[in-house]
Amino acid sequence: MMHKYFDKNKKEMFPWIKDWNDPQDHLRNETNVKKLSQSEWFYFHPTAYNLLTIGGTCISLPMFGVVVGIGLYYKMMLLTIFGLVFCVFLGVDLFKKIKNYKYTKDMNFYDLWMREQ
């Protein structure tokens, strides 16, 4: 679904790109991200991809831990089990993402959604 949207709108978003097969390494390898605009950073720099994929899981895990804590405090088994199921799921997901980080550390949203292979 996202790929279809970006296939349709990518030329309006980034009119300066002429070759959509190009990896855009000048943006991907930029060490000073302050030089990049917000959209350039989000779509082309690997830190944005890693921040959202790994960071989202890292934020969700303690949130569901709080749900488990509340469930235990008020002795609500259904809430505790619900929170534990999500904590286990998120913990496994985080472990997989950390394990596969060496393969995804250079990934970005441009490669995922817009780049023509």
PDB file of N, CA and C in Angstrom:
ATOM      1  N   MET A   1       0.821  -1.189   0.000  1.00  0.00           N
ATOM      2  CA  MET A   1       0.000   0.000   0.000  1.00  0.00           C
ATOM      3  C   MET A   1       0.871   1.261   0.000  1.00  0.00           C
ATOM      4  N   MET A   2       1.866   1.297   0.852  1.00  0.00           N
ATOM      5  CA  MET A   2       2.739   2.470   0.910  1.00  0.00           C
ATOM      6  C   MET A   2       3.533   2.610  -0.383  1.00  0.00           C
ATOM      7  N   HIS A   3       3.940   1.479  -0.946  1.00  0.00           N
ATOM      8  CA  HIS A   3       4.736   1.517  -2.169  1.00  0.00           C
ATOM      9  C   HIS A   3       3.921   2.125  -3.318  1.00  0.00           C
ATOM     10  N   LYS A   4       2.634   1.800  -3.406  1.00  0.00           N
ATOM     11  CA  LYS A   4       1.782   2.366  -4.460  1.00  0.00           C
ATOM     12  C   LYS A   4       1.633   3.878  -4.280  1.00  0.00           C
ATOM     13  N   TYR A   5       1.464   4.309  -3.036  1.00  0.00           N
ATOM     14  CA  TYR A   5       1.337   5.740  -2.760  1.00  0.00           C
ATOM     15  C   TYR A   5       2.592   6.486  -3.195  1.00  0.00           C
ATOM     16  N   PHE A   6       3.747   5.961  -2.828  1.00  0.00           N
ATOM     17  CA  PHE A   6       4.992   6.645  -3.159  1.00  0.00           C
ATOM     18  C   PHE A   6       5.340   6.541  -4.632  1.00  0.00           C
ATOM     19  N   ASP A   7       4.946   5.450  -5.290  1.00  0.00           N
ATOM     20  CA  ASP A   7       5.144   5.385  -6.739  1.00  0.00           C
ATOM     21  C   ASP A   7       4.388   6.512  -7.436  1.00  0.00           C
ATOM     22  N   LYS A   8       3.237   6.818  -6.922  1.00  0.00           N
ATOM     23  CA  LYS A   8       2.401   7.869  -7.518  1.00  0.00           C
ATOM     24  C   LYS A   8       2.907   9.273  -7.180  1.00  0.00           C
ATOM     25  N   ASN A   9       3.411   9.491  -5.965  1.00  0.00           N
ATOM     26  CA  ASN A   9       3.708  10.837  -5.477  1.00  0.00           C
ATOM     27  C   ASN A   9       5.187  11.174  -5.303  1.00  0.00           C
ATOM     28  N   LYS A  10       6.079  10.245  -5.571  1.00  0.00           N
ATOM     29  CA  LYS A  10       7.487  10.496  -5.273  1.00  0.00           C
ATOM     30  C   LYS A  10       8.106  11.600  -6.123  1.00  0.00           C
ATOM     31  N   LYS A  11       7.670  11.760  -7.335  1.00  0.00           N
ATOM     32  CA  LYS A  11       8.234  12.805  -8.200  1.00  0.00           C
ATOM     33  C   LYS A  11       7.855  14.205  -7.720  1.00  0.00           C
ATOM     34  N   GLU A  12       6.696  14.340  -7.097  1.00  0.00           N
ATOM     35  CA  GLU A  12       6.301  15.627  -6.523  1.00  0.00           C
ATOM     36  C   GLU A  12       7.029  15.884  -5.201  1.00  0.00           C
ATOM     37  N   MET A  13       7.311  14.826  -4.467  1.00  0.00           N
ATOM     38  CA  MET A  13       7.980  14.978  -3.176  1.00  0.00           C
ATOM     39  C   MET A  13       9.444  15.364  -3.348  1.00  0.00           C
ATOM     40  N   PHE A  14      10.110  14.742  -4.302  1.00  0.00           N
ATOM     41  CA  PHE A  14      11.539  14.978  -4.534  1.00  0.00           C
ATOM     42  C   PHE A  14      11.775  15.214  -6.024  1.00  0.00           C
ATOM     43  N   PRO A  15      11.453  16.408  -6.517  1.00  0.00           N
ATOM     44  CA  PRO A  15      11.597  16.669  -7.954  1.00  0.00           C
ATOM     45  C   PRO A  15      13.047  16.705  -8.423  1.00  0.00           C
ATOM     46  N   TRP A  16      13.992  16.850  -7.521  1.00  0.00           N
ATOM     47  CA  TRP A  16      15.399  16.914  -7.889  1.00  0.00           C
ATOM     48  C   TRP A  16      15.993  15.544  -8.207  1.00  0.00           C
ATOM     49  N   ILE A  17      15.293  14.466  -7.860  1.00  0.00           N
ATOM     50  CA  ILE A  17      15.799  13.128  -8.167  1.00  0.00           C
ATOM     51  C   ILE A  17      15.409  12.771  -9.603  1.00  0.00           C
ATOM     52  N   LYS A  18      16.404  12.455 -10.400  1.00  0.00           N
ATOM     53  CA  LYS A  18      16.164  12.062 -11.794  1.00  0.00           C
ATOM     54  C   LYS A  18      16.273  10.551 -11.976  1.00  0.00           C
ATOM     55  N   ASP A  19      17.176   9.919 -11.231  1.00  0.00           N
ATOM     56  CA  ASP A  19      17.388   8.480 -11.341  1.00  0.00           C
ATOM     57  C   ASP A  19      16.905   7.815 -10.057  1.00  0.00           C
ATOM     58  N   TRP A  20      15.798   7.092 -10.127  1.00  0.00           N
ATOM     59  CA  TRP A  20      15.212   6.471  -8.948  1.00  0.00           C
ATOM     60  C   TRP A  20      15.870   5.137  -8.604  1.00  0.00           C
ATOM     61  N   ASN A  21      16.862   4.724  -9.369  1.00  0.00           N
ATOM     62  CA  ASN A  21      17.664   3.544  -9.027  1.00  0.00           C
ATOM     63  C   ASN A  21      18.873   3.913  -8.182  1.00  0.00           C
ATOM     64  N   ASP A  22      19.223   5.188  -8.182  1.00  0.00           N
ATOM     65  CA  ASP A  22      20.386   5.676  -7.447  1.00  0.00           C
ATOM     66  C   ASP A  22      20.151   5.522  -5.939  1.00  0.00           C
ATOM     67  N   PRO A  23      21.123   4.994  -5.195  1.00  0.00           N
ATOM     68  CA  PRO A  23      20.921   4.808  -3.750  1.00  0.00           C
ATOM     69  C   PRO A  23      20.954   6.105  -2.935  1.00  0.00           C
ATOM     70  N   GLN A  24      21.280   7.243  -3.565  1.00  0.00           N
ATOM     71  CA  GLN A  24      21.339   8.533  -2.862  1.00  0.00           C
ATOM     72  C   GLN A  24      22.312   8.459  -1.679  1.00  0.00           C
ATOM     73  N   ASP A  25      23.488   7.933  -1.945  1.00  0.00           N
ATOM     74  CA  ASP A  25      24.488   7.761  -0.892  1.00  0.00           C
ATOM     75  C   ASP A  25      24.995   9.074  -0.316  1.00  0.00           C
ATOM     76  N   HIS A  26      24.895  10.161  -1.059  1.00  0.00           N
ATOM     77  CA  HIS A  26      25.345  11.443  -0.510  1.00  0.00           C
ATOM     78  C   HIS A  26      24.461  11.878   0.660  1.00  0.00           C
ATOM     79  N   LEU A  27      23.203  11.431   0.691  1.00  0.00           N
ATOM     80  CA  LEU A  27      22.328  11.719   1.833  1.00  0.00           C
ATOM     81  C   LEU A  27      22.398  10.604   2.872  1.00  0.00           C
ATOM     82  N   ARG A  28      22.492   9.386   2.427  1.00  0.00           N
ATOM     83  CA  ARG A  28      22.553   8.235   3.331  1.00  0.00           C
ATOM     84  C   ARG A  28      23.786   8.282   4.227  1.00  0.00           C
ATOM     85  N   ASN A  29      24.906   8.716   3.683  1.00  0.00           N
ATOM     86  CA  ASN A  29      26.169   8.710   4.426  1.00  0.00           C
ATOM     87  C   ASN A  29      26.524  10.061   5.037  1.00  0.00           C
ATOM     88  N   GLU A  30      25.607  10.996   5.041  1.00  0.00           N
ATOM     89  CA  GLU A  30      25.863  12.315   5.634  1.00  0.00           C
ATOM     90  C   GLU A  30      26.089  12.158   7.135  1.00  0.00           C
ATOM     91  N   THR A  31      27.221  12.642   7.613  1.00  0.00           N
ATOM     92  CA  THR A  31      27.526  12.515   9.041  1.00  0.00           C
ATOM     93  C   THR A  31      26.910  13.637   9.871  1.00  0.00           C
ATOM     94  N   ASN A  32      26.695  14.791   9.275  1.00  0.00           N
ATOM     95  CA  ASN A  32      26.064  15.909   9.974  1.00  0.00           C
ATOM     96  C   ASN A  32      24.613  16.003   9.502  1.00  0.00           C
ATOM     97  N   VAL A  33      23.706  15.376  10.231  1.00  0.00           N
ATOM     98  CA  VAL A  33      22.313  15.335   9.807  1.00  0.00           C
ATOM     99  C   VAL A  33      21.627  16.698   9.916  1.00  0.00           C
ATOM    100  N   LYS A  34      22.262  17.647  10.574  1.00  0.00           N
ATOM    101  CA  LYS A  34      21.684  18.988  10.646  1.00  0.00           C
ATOM    102  C   LYS A  34      21.692  19.669   9.286  1.00  0.00           C
ATOM    103  N   LYS A  35      22.521  19.190   8.375  1.00  0.00           N
ATOM    104  CA  LYS A  35      22.549  19.743   7.017  1.00  0.00           C
ATOM    105  C   LYS A  35      21.348  19.280   6.185  1.00  0.00           C
ATOM    106  N   LEU A  36      20.700  18.211   6.610  1.00  0.00           N
ATOM    107  CA  LEU A  36      19.576  17.647   5.864  1.00  0.00           C
ATOM    108  C   LEU A  36      18.268  18.297   6.296  1.00  0.00           C
ATOM    109  N   SER A  37      17.357  18.430   5.345  1.00  0.00           N
ATOM    110  CA  SER A  37      16.015  18.880   5.718  1.00  0.00           C
ATOM    111  C   SER A  37      15.313  17.732   6.440  1.00  0.00           C
ATOM    112  N   GLN A  38      14.164  18.023   7.029  1.00  0.00           N
ATOM    113  CA  GLN A  38      13.454  16.997   7.781  1.00  0.00           C
ATOM    114  C   GLN A  38      13.042  15.839   6.877  1.00  0.00           C
ATOM    115  N   SER A  39      12.536  16.130   5.694  1.00  0.00           N
ATOM    116  CA  SER A  39      12.110  15.052   4.802  1.00  0.00           C
ATOM    117  C   SER A  39      13.303  14.285   4.249  1.00  0.00           C
ATOM    118  N   GLU A  40      14.409  14.964   3.977  1.00  0.00           N
ATOM    119  CA  GLU A  40      15.608  14.252   3.527  1.00  0.00           C
ATOM    120  C   GLU A  40      16.104  13.315   4.614  1.00  0.00           C
ATOM    121  N   TRP A  41      16.137  13.785   5.856  1.00  0.00           N
ATOM    122  CA  TRP A  41      16.576  12.929   6.952  1.00  0.00           C
ATOM    123  C   TRP A  41      15.641  11.729   7.098  1.00  0.00           C
ATOM    124  N   PHE A  42      14.329  11.980   7.078  1.00  0.00           N
ATOM    125  CA  PHE A  42      13.364  10.900   7.303  1.00  0.00           C
ATOM    126  C   PHE A  42      13.444   9.834   6.226  1.00  0.00           C
ATOM    127  N   TYR A  43      13.511  10.229   4.972  1.00  0.00           N
ATOM    128  CA  TYR A  43      13.454   9.249   3.894  1.00  0.00           C
ATOM    129  C   TYR A  43      14.811   8.665   3.502  1.00  0.00           C
ATOM    130  N   PHE A  44      15.891   9.411   3.658  1.00  0.00           N
ATOM    131  CA  PHE A  44      17.169   8.982   3.112  1.00  0.00           C
ATOM    132  C   PHE A  44      18.214   8.555   4.134  1.00  0.00           C
ATOM    133  N   HIS A  45      18.087   8.952   5.381  1.00  0.00           N
ATOM    134  CA  HIS A  45      19.132   8.637   6.360  1.00  0.00           C
ATOM    135  C   HIS A  45      18.745   7.402   7.171  1.00  0.00           C
ATOM    136  N   PRO A  46      19.661   6.471   7.366  1.00  0.00           N
ATOM    137  CA  PRO A  46      19.344   5.235   8.095  1.00  0.00           C
ATOM    138  C   PRO A  46      18.952   5.441   9.559  1.00  0.00           C
ATOM    139  N   THR A  47      19.358   6.542  10.167  1.00  0.00           N
ATOM    140  CA  THR A  47      19.005   6.751  11.568  1.00  0.00           C
ATOM    141  C   THR A  47      17.498   6.895  11.764  1.00  0.00           C
ATOM    142  N   ALA A  48      16.810   7.463  10.791  1.00  0.00           N
ATOM    143  CA  ALA A  48      15.357   7.608  10.907  1.00  0.00           C
ATOM    144  C   ALA A  48      14.679   6.239  10.875  1.00  0.00           C
ATOM    145  N   TYR A  49      15.114   5.381   9.970  1.00  0.00           N
ATOM    146  CA  TYR A  49      14.543   4.036   9.878  1.00  0.00           C
ATOM    147  C   TYR A  49      14.776   3.264  11.178  1.00  0.00           C
ATOM    148  N   ASN A  50      15.999   3.312  11.675  1.00  0.00           N
ATOM    149  CA  ASN A  50      16.309   2.581  12.905  1.00  0.00           C
ATOM    150  C   ASN A  50      15.607   3.172  14.117  1.00  0.00           C
ATOM    151  N   LEU A  51      15.483   4.490  14.148  1.00  0.00           N
ATOM    152  CA  LEU A  51      14.787   5.138  15.261  1.00  0.00           C
ATOM    153  C   LEU A  51      13.334   4.689  15.326  1.00  0.00           C
ATOM    154  N   LEU A  52      12.671   4.631  14.187  1.00  0.00           N
ATOM    155  CA  LEU A  52      11.263   4.254  14.197  1.00  0.00           C
ATOM    156  C   LEU A  52      11.046   2.757  14.370  1.00  0.00           C
ATOM    157  N   THR A  53      11.885   1.934  13.766  1.00  0.00           N
ATOM    158  CA  THR A  53      11.647   0.499  13.891  1.00  0.00           C
ATOM    159  C   THR A  53      12.075  -0.039  15.258  1.00  0.00           C
ATOM    160  N   ILE A  54      13.275   0.266  15.684  1.00  0.00           N
ATOM    161  CA  ILE A  54      13.747  -0.246  16.969  1.00  0.00           C
ATOM    162  C   ILE A  54      13.199   0.603  18.110  1.00  0.00           C
ATOM    163  N   GLY A  55      13.169   1.916  17.916  1.00  0.00           N
ATOM    164  CA  GLY A  55      12.694   2.807  18.974  1.00  0.00           C
ATOM    165  C   GLY A  55      11.230   2.614  19.315  1.00  0.00           C
ATOM    166  N   GLY A  56      10.415   2.317  18.311  1.00  0.00           N
ATOM    167  CA  GLY A  56       8.992   2.080  18.576  1.00  0.00           C
ATOM    168  C   GLY A  56       8.780   0.888  19.492  1.00  0.00           C
ATOM    169  N   THR A  57       9.538  -0.155  19.262  1.00  0.00           N
ATOM    170  CA  THR A  57       9.452  -1.341  20.112  1.00  0.00           C
ATOM    171  C   THR A  57       9.993  -1.043  21.510  1.00  0.00           C
ATOM    172  N   CYS A  58      11.081  -0.282  21.576  1.00  0.00           N
ATOM    173  CA  CYS A  58      11.673   0.059  22.879  1.00  0.00           C
ATOM    174  C   CYS A  58      10.739   0.928  23.718  1.00  0.00           C
ATOM    175  N   ILE A  59       9.919   1.725  23.091  1.00  0.00           N
ATOM    176  CA  ILE A  59       8.971   2.556  23.831  1.00  0.00           C
ATOM    177  C   ILE A  59       7.743   1.749  24.230  1.00  0.00           C
ATOM    178  N   SER A  60       7.296   0.856  23.343  1.00  0.00           N
ATOM    179  CA  SER A  60       6.093   0.065  23.620  1.00  0.00           C
ATOM    180  C   SER A  60       6.294  -0.944  24.741  1.00  0.00           C
ATOM    181  N   LEU A  61       7.473  -1.498  24.839  1.00  0.00           N
ATOM    182  CA  LEU A  61       7.737  -2.524  25.848  1.00  0.00           C
ATOM    183  C   LEU A  61       7.522  -2.005  27.279  1.00  0.00           C
ATOM    184  N   PRO A  62       8.092  -0.865  27.686  1.00  0.00           N
ATOM    185  CA  PRO A  62       7.810  -0.381  29.050  1.00  0.00           C
ATOM    186  C   PRO A  62       6.357   0.064  29.244  1.00  0.00           C
ATOM    187  N   MET A  63       5.728   0.527  28.172  1.00  0.00           N
ATOM    188  CA  MET A  63       4.322   0.924  28.306  1.00  0.00           C
ATOM    189  C   MET A  63       3.454  -0.277  28.674  1.00  0.00           C
ATOM    190  N   PHE A  64       3.671  -1.398  28.002  1.00  0.00           N
ATOM    191  CA  PHE A  64       2.910  -2.588  28.361  1.00  0.00           C
ATOM    192  C   PHE A  64       3.390  -3.172  29.691  1.00  0.00           C
ATOM    193  N   GLY A  65       4.629  -2.896  30.085  1.00  0.00           N
ATOM    194  CA  GLY A  65       5.098  -3.271  31.417  1.00  0.00           C
ATOM    195  C   GLY A  65       4.323  -2.535  32.497  1.00  0.00           C
ATOM    196  N   VAL A  66       3.988  -1.291  32.226  1.00  0.00           N
ATOM    197  CA  VAL A  66       3.154  -0.521  33.168  1.00  0.00           C
ATOM    198  C   VAL A  66       1.760  -1.131  33.261  1.00  0.00           C
ATOM    199  N   VAL A  67       1.231  -1.587  32.115  1.00  0.00           N
ATOM    200  CA  VAL A  67      -0.078  -2.247  32.119  1.00  0.00           C
ATOM    201  C   VAL A  67      -0.026  -3.502  32.987  1.00  0.00           C
ATOM    202  N   VAL A  68       1.046  -4.266  32.878  1.00  0.00           N
ATOM    203  CA  VAL A  68       1.217  -5.455  33.722  1.00  0.00           C
ATOM    204  C   VAL A  68       1.295  -5.048  35.193  1.00  0.00           C
ATOM    205  N   GLY A  69       2.040  -3.994  35.488  1.00  0.00           N
ATOM    206  CA  GLY A  69       2.150  -3.525  36.869  1.00  0.00           C
ATOM    207  C   GLY A  69       0.812  -3.085  37.437  1.00  0.00           C
ATOM    208  N   ILE A  70       0.044  -2.374  36.657  1.00  0.00           N
ATOM    209  CA  ILE A  70      -1.287  -1.942  37.113  1.00  0.00           C
ATOM    210  C   ILE A  70      -2.187  -3.151  37.336  1.00  0.00           C
ATOM    211  N   GLY A  71      -2.113  -4.095  36.405  1.00  0.00           N
ATOM    212  CA  GLY A  71      -2.913  -5.318  36.560  1.00  0.00           C
ATOM    213  C   GLY A  71      -2.547  -6.095  37.810  1.00  0.00           C
ATOM    214  N   LEU A  72      -1.257  -6.170  38.113  1.00  0.00           N
ATOM    215  CA  LEU A  72      -0.833  -6.866  39.332  1.00  0.00           C
ATOM    216  C   LEU A  72      -1.229  -6.095  40.588  1.00  0.00           C
ATOM    217  N   TYR A  73      -1.108  -4.775  40.534  1.00  0.00           N
ATOM    218  CA  TYR A  73      -1.431  -3.951  41.702  1.00  0.00           C
ATOM    219  C   TYR A  73      -2.912  -4.071  42.075  1.00  0.00           C
ATOM    220  N   TYR A  74      -3.783  -4.037  41.067  1.00  0.00           N
ATOM    221  CA  TYR A  74      -5.218  -4.108  41.326  1.00  0.00           C
ATOM    222  C   TYR A  74      -5.755  -5.537  41.245  1.00  0.00           C
ATOM    223  N   LYS A  75      -4.864  -6.520  41.123  1.00  0.00           N
ATOM    224  CA  LYS A  75      -5.222  -7.935  41.065  1.00  0.00           C
ATOM    225  C   LYS A  75      -6.233  -8.218  39.955  1.00  0.00           C
ATOM    226  N   MET A  76      -5.953  -7.650  38.786  1.00  0.00           N
ATOM    227  CA  MET A  76      -6.814  -7.864  37.613  1.00  0.00           C
ATOM    228  C   MET A  76      -6.072  -8.815  36.667  1.00  0.00           C
ATOM    229  N   MET A  77      -6.422 -10.090  36.740  1.00  0.00           N
ATOM    230  CA  MET A  77      -5.698 -11.105  35.982  1.00  0.00           C
ATOM    231  C   MET A  77      -5.817 -10.910  34.470  1.00  0.00           C
ATOM    232  N   LEU A  78      -6.975 -10.527  33.990  1.00  0.00           N
ATOM    233  CA  LEU A  78      -7.159 -10.358  32.550  1.00  0.00           C
ATOM    234  C   LEU A  78      -6.250  -9.249  32.013  1.00  0.00           C
ATOM    235  N   LEU A  79      -6.158  -8.150  32.725  1.00  0.00           N
ATOM    236  CA  LEU A  79      -5.287  -7.052  32.323  1.00  0.00           C
ATOM    237  C   LEU A  79      -3.814  -7.463  32.397  1.00  0.00           C
ATOM    238  N   THR A  80      -3.453  -8.207  33.422  1.00  0.00           N
ATOM    239  CA  THR A  80      -2.075  -8.671  33.575  1.00  0.00           C
ATOM    240  C   THR A  80      -1.691  -9.620  32.444  1.00  0.00           C
ATOM    241  N   ILE A  81      -2.557 -10.562  32.130  1.00  0.00           N
ATOM    242  CA  ILE A  81      -2.280 -11.510  31.050  1.00  0.00           C
ATOM    243  C   ILE A  81      -2.198 -10.786  29.713  1.00  0.00           C
ATOM    244  N   PHE A  82      -3.099  -9.848  29.481  1.00  0.00           N
ATOM    245  CA  PHE A  82      -3.086  -9.042  28.261  1.00  0.00           C
ATOM    246  C   PHE A  82      -1.749  -8.314  28.119  1.00  0.00           C
ATOM    247  N   GLY A  83      -1.310  -7.675  29.180  1.00  0.00           N
ATOM    248  CA  GLY A  83      -0.034  -6.957  29.156  1.00  0.00           C
ATOM    249  C   GLY A  83       1.155  -7.878  28.986  1.00  0.00           C
ATOM    250  N   LEU A  84       1.128  -9.023  29.636  1.00  0.00           N
ATOM    251  CA  LEU A  84       2.227  -9.979  29.522  1.00  0.00           C
ATOM    252  C   LEU A  84       2.354 -10.543  28.111  1.00  0.00           C
ATOM    253  N   VAL A  85       1.228 -10.807  27.477  1.00  0.00           N
ATOM    254  CA  VAL A  85       1.257 -11.318  26.103  1.00  0.00           C
ATOM    255  C   VAL A  85       1.943 -10.301  25.198  1.00  0.00           C
ATOM    256  N   PHE A  86       1.576  -9.044  25.322  1.00  0.00           N
ATOM    257  CA  PHE A  86       2.198  -8.013  24.494  1.00  0.00           C
ATOM    258  C   PHE A  86       3.664  -7.798  24.866  1.00  0.00           C
ATOM    259  N   CYS A  87       4.000  -7.895  26.144  1.00  0.00           N
ATOM    260  CA  CYS A  87       5.405  -7.756  26.555  1.00  0.00           C
ATOM    261  C   CYS A  87       6.258  -8.869  25.968  1.00  0.00           C
ATOM    262  N   VAL A  88       5.756 -10.084  25.980  1.00  0.00           N
ATOM    263  CA  VAL A  88       6.499 -11.203  25.396  1.00  0.00           C
ATOM    264  C   VAL A  88       6.652 -10.989  23.893  1.00  0.00           C
ATOM    265  N   PHE A  89       5.562 -10.628  23.224  1.00  0.00           N
ATOM    266  CA  PHE A  89       5.612 -10.380  21.784  1.00  0.00           C
ATOM    267  C   PHE A  89       6.616  -9.276  21.456  1.00  0.00           C
ATOM    268  N   LEU A  90       6.564  -8.177  22.176  1.00  0.00           N
ATOM    269  CA  LEU A  90       7.473  -7.054  21.925  1.00  0.00           C
ATOM    270  C   LEU A  90       8.909  -7.399  22.292  1.00  0.00           C
ATOM    271  N   GLY A  91       9.106  -8.186  23.341  1.00  0.00           N
ATOM    272  CA  GLY A  91      10.450  -8.604  23.714  1.00  0.00           C
ATOM    273  C   GLY A  91      11.089  -9.479  22.641  1.00  0.00           C
ATOM    274  N   VAL A  92      10.320 -10.414  22.096  1.00  0.00           N
ATOM    275  CA  VAL A  92      10.820 -11.260  21.014  1.00  0.00           C
ATOM    276  C   VAL A  92      11.109 -10.417  19.777  1.00  0.00           C
ATOM    277  N   ASP A  93      10.207  -9.488  19.483  1.00  0.00           N
ATOM    278  CA  ASP A  93      10.394  -8.610  18.323  1.00  0.00           C
ATOM    279  C   ASP A  93      11.649  -7.748  18.477  1.00  0.00           C
ATOM    280  N   LEU A  94      11.863  -7.206  19.667  1.00  0.00           N
ATOM    281  CA  LEU A  94      13.062  -6.403  19.917  1.00  0.00           C
ATOM    282  C   LEU A  94      14.324  -7.250  19.798  1.00  0.00           C
ATOM    283  N   PHE A  95      14.286  -8.463  20.307  1.00  0.00           N
ATOM    284  CA  PHE A  95      15.437  -9.360  20.195  1.00  0.00           C
ATOM    285  C   PHE A  95      15.763  -9.633  18.725  1.00  0.00           C
ATOM    286  N   LYS A  96      14.730  -9.888  17.913  1.00  0.00           N
ATOM    287  CA  LYS A  96      14.951 -10.141  16.486  1.00  0.00           C
ATOM    288  C   LYS A  96      15.524  -8.915  15.781  1.00  0.00           C
ATOM    289  N   LYS A  97      15.013  -7.737  16.125  1.00  0.00           N
ATOM    290  CA  LYS A  97      15.504  -6.510  15.493  1.00  0.00           C
ATOM    291  C   LYS A  97      16.959  -6.234  15.875  1.00  0.00           C
ATOM    292  N   ILE A  98      17.317  -6.468  17.107  1.00  0.00           N
ATOM    293  CA  ILE A  98      18.707  -6.272  17.530  1.00  0.00           C
ATOM    294  C   ILE A  98      19.608  -7.313  16.874  1.00  0.00           C
ATOM    295  N   LYS A  99      19.134  -8.537  16.785  1.00  0.00           N
ATOM    296  CA  LYS A  99      19.905  -9.604  16.153  1.00  0.00           C
ATOM    297  C   LYS A  99      20.144  -9.313  14.661  1.00  0.00           C
ATOM    298  N   ASN A 100      19.149  -8.743  13.983  1.00  0.00           N
ATOM    299  CA  ASN A 100      19.253  -8.460  12.547  1.00  0.00           C
ATOM    300  C   ASN A 100      19.742  -7.052  12.248  1.00  0.00           C
ATOM    301  N   TYR A 101      20.187  -6.319  13.242  1.00  0.00           N
ATOM    302  CA  TYR A 101      20.615  -4.938  13.044  1.00  0.00           C
ATOM    303  C   TYR A 101      21.760  -4.823  12.047  1.00  0.00           C
ATOM    304  N   LYS A 102      22.659  -5.786  12.045  1.00  0.00           N
ATOM    305  CA  LYS A 102      23.797  -5.711  11.120  1.00  0.00           C
ATOM    306  C   LYS A 102      23.334  -5.754   9.661  1.00  0.00           C
ATOM    307  N   TYR A 103      22.150  -6.313   9.408  1.00  0.00           N
ATOM    308  CA  TYR A 103      21.619  -6.357   8.046  1.00  0.00           C
ATOM    309  C   TYR A 103      20.776  -5.134   7.710  1.00  0.00           C
ATOM    310  N   THR A 104      20.196  -4.499   8.709  1.00  0.00           N
ATOM    311  CA  THR A 104      19.284  -3.377   8.465  1.00  0.00           C
ATOM    312  C   THR A 104      19.864  -2.019   8.827  1.00  0.00           C
ATOM    313  N   LYS A 105      21.117  -1.968   9.282  1.00  0.00           N
ATOM    314  CA  LYS A 105      21.668  -0.700   9.760  1.00  0.00           C
ATOM    315  C   LYS A 105      21.788   0.354   8.668  1.00  0.00           C
ATOM    316  N   ASP A 106      21.871  -0.041   7.407  1.00  0.00           N
ATOM    317  CA  ASP A 106      21.954   0.919   6.301  1.00  0.00           C
ATOM    318  C   ASP A 106      20.632   1.081   5.553  1.00  0.00           C
ATOM    319  N   MET A 107      19.574   0.501   6.060  1.00  0.00           N
ATOM    320  CA  MET A 107      18.260   0.585   5.411  1.00  0.00           C
ATOM    321  C   MET A 107      17.652   1.961   5.663  1.00  0.00           C
ATOM    322  N   ASN A 108      16.884   2.453   4.696  1.00  0.00           N
ATOM    323  CA  ASN A 108      16.146   3.704   4.888  1.00  0.00           C
ATOM    324  C   ASN A 108      14.797   3.606   4.192  1.00  0.00           C
ATOM    325  N   PHE A 109      13.946   4.581   4.433  1.00  0.00           N
ATOM    326  CA  PHE A 109      12.598   4.535   3.883  1.00  0.00           C
ATOM    327  C   PHE A 109      12.579   4.762   2.367  1.00  0.00           C
ATOM    328  N   TYR A 110      13.557   5.442   1.844  1.00  0.00           N
ATOM    329  CA  TYR A 110      13.678   5.603   0.391  1.00  0.00           C
ATOM    330  C   TYR A 110      13.869   4.236  -0.269  1.00  0.00           C
ATOM    331  N   ASP A 111      14.757   3.418   0.280  1.00  0.00           N
ATOM    332  CA  ASP A 111      14.964   2.067  -0.260  1.00  0.00           C
ATOM    333  C   ASP A 111      13.709   1.225  -0.141  1.00  0.00           C
ATOM    334  N   LEU A 112      13.015   1.382   0.946  1.00  0.00           N
ATOM    335  CA  LEU A 112      11.856   0.565   1.226  1.00  0.00           C
ATOM    336  C   LEU A 112      10.656   0.932   0.360  1.00  0.00           C
ATOM    337  N   TRP A 113      10.418   2.223   0.146  1.00  0.00           N
ATOM    338  CA  TRP A 113       9.175   2.655  -0.493  1.00  0.00           C
ATOM    339  C   TRP A 113       9.348   3.255  -1.891  1.00  0.00           C
ATOM    340  N   MET A 114      10.463   3.912  -2.176  1.00  0.00           N
ATOM    341  CA  MET A 114      10.547   4.696  -3.403  1.00  0.00           C
ATOM    342  C   MET A 114      11.561   4.221  -4.424  1.00  0.00           C
ATOM    343  N   ARG A 115      12.592   3.590  -3.994  1.00  0.00           N
ATOM    344  CA  ARG A 115      13.667   3.224  -4.909  1.00  0.00           C
ATOM    345  C   ARG A 115      13.215   2.142  -5.878  1.00  0.00           C
ATOM    346  N   GLU A 116      13.524   2.341  -7.147  1.00  0.00           N
ATOM    347  CA  GLU A 116      13.177   1.347  -8.162  1.00  0.00           C
ATOM    348  C   GLU A 116      14.343   0.385  -8.294  1.00  0.00           C
ATOM    349  N   GLN A 117      14.075  -0.862  -8.147  1.00  0.00           N
ATOM    350  CA  GLN A 117      15.130  -1.879  -8.163  1.00  0.00           C
ATOM    351  C   GLN A 117      15.236  -2.516  -9.535  1.00  0.00           C
TER     352      GLN A 117
END
